[in-house]
Amino acid sequence: MSRIRRKTNRHASAANPNAPVNTLGIGRIMFAVDDIEDVLARLQAYGAELVGEVVQYEDKYRLCYVRGPEGILIALAEQLS
């Protein structure tokens, strides 16, 4: 009986931004913030890049994605009152 061995990178990283959601490691993470513009400015000062734009979902949330260290996507969500 022969064994087939695949060499794959099963860890989430910048090298594989389209990795499946069940890939080992952290590929994306979301934070609730009080002021999305302030947090975004502070992250950009450290080299984070905005992915797309800040959007508003109905009258409930403002949302955006930034690409952080190792290509991790960081989602920011500001609940509107």
N, C-alpha and C. Protein backbone atom coordinates (compact mmCIF):
# COMPACT_ATOMS: atom_id res chain seq x y z
N MET A 1 0.85 -1.17 0.00
CA MET A 1 0.00 0.00 0.00
C MET A 1 0.90 1.23 0.00
N SER A 2 0.69 2.12 -0.92
CA SER A 2 1.50 3.34 -0.98
C SER A 2 0.78 4.48 -0.27
N ARG A 3 1.60 5.39 0.22
CA ARG A 3 1.04 6.56 0.91
C ARG A 3 1.35 7.79 0.08
N ILE A 4 0.36 8.63 -0.07
CA ILE A 4 0.54 9.89 -0.78
C ILE A 4 0.66 10.98 0.27
N ARG A 5 1.68 11.77 0.14
CA ARG A 5 1.91 12.84 1.12
C ARG A 5 1.88 14.18 0.41
N ARG A 6 1.01 15.05 0.83
CA ARG A 6 0.93 16.39 0.25
C ARG A 6 1.67 17.35 1.14
N LYS A 7 2.47 18.17 0.52
CA LYS A 7 3.14 19.23 1.27
C LYS A 7 2.27 20.48 1.15
N THR A 8 1.71 20.91 2.26
CA THR A 8 0.84 22.08 2.25
C THR A 8 1.19 22.99 3.39
N ASN A 9 0.88 24.24 3.20
CA ASN A 9 1.03 25.23 4.27
C ASN A 9 -0.35 25.36 4.91
N ARG A 10 -0.55 24.68 6.02
CA ARG A 10 -1.86 24.68 6.66
C ARG A 10 -2.02 25.80 7.67
N HIS A 11 -1.06 26.70 7.73
CA HIS A 11 -1.14 27.81 8.67
C HIS A 11 -1.56 29.07 7.95
N ALA A 12 -2.44 29.86 8.57
CA ALA A 12 -2.87 31.11 7.98
C ALA A 12 -1.71 32.09 7.99
N SER A 13 -1.49 32.75 6.89
CA SER A 13 -0.41 33.73 6.82
C SER A 13 -0.60 34.61 5.61
N ALA A 14 0.28 35.58 5.47
CA ALA A 14 0.25 36.47 4.31
C ALA A 14 0.52 35.68 3.04
N ALA A 15 1.23 34.55 3.15
CA ALA A 15 1.54 33.74 1.99
C ALA A 15 0.30 33.08 1.42
N ASN A 16 -0.73 32.93 2.22
CA ASN A 16 -1.94 32.26 1.77
C ASN A 16 -3.18 32.99 2.28
N PRO A 17 -3.46 34.19 1.75
CA PRO A 17 -4.59 34.97 2.26
C PRO A 17 -5.94 34.36 1.96
N ASN A 18 -6.00 33.40 1.04
CA ASN A 18 -7.28 32.77 0.70
C ASN A 18 -7.42 31.39 1.34
N ALA A 19 -6.70 31.18 2.43
CA ALA A 19 -6.75 29.88 3.12
C ALA A 19 -8.18 29.60 3.60
N PRO A 20 -8.59 28.34 3.64
CA PRO A 20 -9.92 28.01 4.13
C PRO A 20 -10.09 28.43 5.59
N VAL A 21 -11.33 28.63 6.01
CA VAL A 21 -11.59 29.13 7.35
C VAL A 21 -11.14 28.17 8.44
N ASN A 22 -10.97 26.88 8.12
CA ASN A 22 -10.54 25.92 9.14
C ASN A 22 -9.03 25.71 9.13
N THR A 23 -8.28 26.59 8.47
CA THR A 23 -6.83 26.52 8.45
C THR A 23 -6.28 26.81 9.84
N LEU A 24 -5.21 26.09 10.22
CA LEU A 24 -4.59 26.32 11.51
C LEU A 24 -4.07 27.75 11.62
N GLY A 25 -4.17 28.35 12.79
CA GLY A 25 -3.68 29.71 13.01
C GLY A 25 -4.80 30.73 12.92
N ILE A 26 -4.42 31.96 13.12
CA ILE A 26 -5.40 33.05 13.06
C ILE A 26 -5.30 33.72 11.71
N GLY A 27 -6.36 33.69 10.95
CA GLY A 27 -6.39 34.35 9.66
C GLY A 27 -7.11 35.68 9.71
N ARG A 28 -8.02 35.79 10.65
CA ARG A 28 -8.78 37.04 10.80
C ARG A 28 -9.31 37.11 12.22
N ILE A 29 -9.51 38.32 12.67
CA ILE A 29 -10.02 38.54 14.02
C ILE A 29 -10.80 39.85 14.02
N MET A 30 -11.83 39.96 14.84
CA MET A 30 -12.65 41.17 14.87
C MET A 30 -12.64 41.77 16.27
N PHE A 31 -12.58 43.10 16.30
CA PHE A 31 -12.63 43.83 17.57
C PHE A 31 -13.77 44.83 17.54
N ALA A 32 -14.48 44.95 18.65
CA ALA A 32 -15.47 46.01 18.84
C ALA A 32 -14.71 47.22 19.37
N VAL A 33 -14.90 48.37 18.74
CA VAL A 33 -14.20 49.59 19.15
C VAL A 33 -15.21 50.70 19.39
N ASP A 34 -14.81 51.69 20.18
CA ASP A 34 -15.69 52.82 20.46
C ASP A 34 -15.62 53.89 19.38
N ASP A 35 -14.44 54.06 18.76
CA ASP A 35 -14.24 55.10 17.73
C ASP A 35 -13.39 54.50 16.62
N ILE A 36 -14.04 54.07 15.55
CA ILE A 36 -13.34 53.36 14.48
C ILE A 36 -12.29 54.23 13.80
N GLU A 37 -12.58 55.52 13.63
CA GLU A 37 -11.62 56.42 12.96
C GLU A 37 -10.35 56.57 13.80
N ASP A 38 -10.49 56.69 15.11
CA ASP A 38 -9.34 56.83 16.00
C ASP A 38 -8.48 55.56 15.99
N VAL A 39 -9.12 54.41 16.12
CA VAL A 39 -8.39 53.15 16.13
C VAL A 39 -7.71 52.92 14.79
N LEU A 40 -8.40 53.22 13.71
CA LEU A 40 -7.83 53.07 12.37
C LEU A 40 -6.59 53.95 12.21
N ALA A 41 -6.65 55.19 12.65
CA ALA A 41 -5.51 56.10 12.55
C ALA A 41 -4.32 55.57 13.36
N ARG A 42 -4.59 55.06 14.55
CA ARG A 42 -3.50 54.54 15.38
C ARG A 42 -2.87 53.29 14.77
N LEU A 43 -3.69 52.41 14.18
CA LEU A 43 -3.15 51.22 13.53
C LEU A 43 -2.34 51.57 12.29
N GLN A 44 -2.83 52.54 11.51
CA GLN A 44 -2.11 52.96 10.31
C GLN A 44 -0.75 53.56 10.66
N ALA A 45 -0.65 54.20 11.81
CA ALA A 45 0.63 54.76 12.24
C ALA A 45 1.67 53.65 12.47
N TYR A 46 1.19 52.43 12.70
CA TYR A 46 2.09 51.29 12.89
C TYR A 46 2.22 50.45 11.63
N GLY A 47 1.70 50.94 10.51
CA GLY A 47 1.88 50.25 9.25
C GLY A 47 0.71 49.41 8.77
N ALA A 48 -0.38 49.37 9.51
CA ALA A 48 -1.55 48.62 9.04
C ALA A 48 -2.15 49.31 7.82
N GLU A 49 -2.69 48.52 6.92
CA GLU A 49 -3.27 49.06 5.69
C GLU A 49 -4.77 48.80 5.66
N LEU A 50 -5.53 49.84 5.38
CA LEU A 50 -6.97 49.71 5.23
C LEU A 50 -7.27 48.87 3.99
N VAL A 51 -8.13 47.88 4.13
CA VAL A 51 -8.55 47.04 3.01
C VAL A 51 -9.94 47.53 2.60
N GLY A 52 -10.03 48.13 1.45
CA GLY A 52 -11.31 48.67 1.01
C GLY A 52 -11.56 50.01 1.68
N GLU A 53 -12.72 50.16 2.30
CA GLU A 53 -13.08 51.42 2.93
C GLU A 53 -13.91 51.16 4.18
N VAL A 54 -14.09 52.18 4.98
CA VAL A 54 -14.98 52.09 6.14
C VAL A 54 -16.40 52.16 5.60
N VAL A 55 -17.23 51.20 5.99
CA VAL A 55 -18.61 51.16 5.51
C VAL A 55 -19.57 51.20 6.69
N GLN A 56 -20.79 51.58 6.40
CA GLN A 56 -21.82 51.61 7.43
C GLN A 56 -22.88 50.59 7.10
N TYR A 57 -23.21 49.75 8.08
CA TYR A 57 -24.27 48.76 7.93
C TYR A 57 -25.52 49.33 8.60
N GLU A 58 -26.50 49.67 7.75
CA GLU A 58 -27.73 50.29 8.21
C GLU A 58 -27.38 51.43 9.17
N ASP A 59 -28.13 51.56 10.27
CA ASP A 59 -27.80 52.59 11.25
C ASP A 59 -27.26 51.94 12.52
N LYS A 60 -26.65 50.75 12.34
CA LYS A 60 -26.22 49.96 13.49
C LYS A 60 -24.71 49.92 13.69
N TYR A 61 -23.92 49.76 12.62
CA TYR A 61 -22.48 49.58 12.75
C TYR A 61 -21.71 50.32 11.67
N ARG A 62 -20.48 50.70 12.00
CA ARG A 62 -19.47 51.11 11.02
C ARG A 62 -18.42 50.02 11.08
N LEU A 63 -17.99 49.55 9.91
CA LEU A 63 -17.10 48.40 9.82
C LEU A 63 -15.96 48.67 8.86
N CYS A 64 -14.81 48.05 9.13
CA CYS A 64 -13.71 48.07 8.16
C CYS A 64 -12.78 46.91 8.44
N TYR A 65 -11.92 46.64 7.47
CA TYR A 65 -10.87 45.65 7.60
C TYR A 65 -9.53 46.35 7.42
N VAL A 66 -8.55 45.93 8.21
CA VAL A 66 -7.18 46.36 8.00
C VAL A 66 -6.32 45.10 7.95
N ARG A 67 -5.24 45.19 7.16
CA ARG A 67 -4.32 44.07 7.11
C ARG A 67 -3.21 44.35 8.10
N GLY A 68 -3.05 43.43 9.04
CA GLY A 68 -2.07 43.60 10.10
C GLY A 68 -0.86 42.71 9.91
N PRO A 69 -0.14 42.46 10.99
CA PRO A 69 1.08 41.65 10.93
C PRO A 69 0.82 40.28 10.32
N GLU A 70 1.79 39.81 9.58
CA GLU A 70 1.72 38.48 8.96
C GLU A 70 0.52 38.31 8.04
N GLY A 71 -0.07 39.42 7.60
CA GLY A 71 -1.19 39.34 6.67
C GLY A 71 -2.53 39.05 7.31
N ILE A 72 -2.58 39.05 8.63
CA ILE A 72 -3.84 38.80 9.32
C ILE A 72 -4.82 39.93 9.03
N LEU A 73 -6.05 39.56 8.72
CA LEU A 73 -7.09 40.56 8.54
C LEU A 73 -7.71 40.89 9.89
N ILE A 74 -7.74 42.17 10.20
CA ILE A 74 -8.33 42.63 11.45
C ILE A 74 -9.57 43.43 11.09
N ALA A 75 -10.71 42.98 11.59
CA ALA A 75 -11.97 43.68 11.37
C ALA A 75 -12.24 44.57 12.57
N LEU A 76 -12.70 45.77 12.30
CA LEU A 76 -13.08 46.71 13.36
C LEU A 76 -14.57 46.99 13.22
N ALA A 77 -15.29 46.99 14.33
CA ALA A 77 -16.72 47.24 14.32
C ALA A 77 -17.04 48.28 15.40
N GLU A 78 -17.67 49.35 14.98
CA GLU A 78 -18.12 50.39 15.91
C GLU A 78 -19.64 50.37 15.92
N GLN A 79 -20.22 50.08 17.08
CA GLN A 79 -21.67 50.08 17.19
C GLN A 79 -22.14 51.52 17.31
N LEU A 80 -23.10 51.88 16.47
CA LEU A 80 -23.65 53.23 16.50
C LEU A 80 -24.82 53.29 17.49
N SER A 81 -24.92 54.39 18.18
CA SER A 81 -26.01 54.50 19.16
C SER A 81 -27.20 55.21 18.60
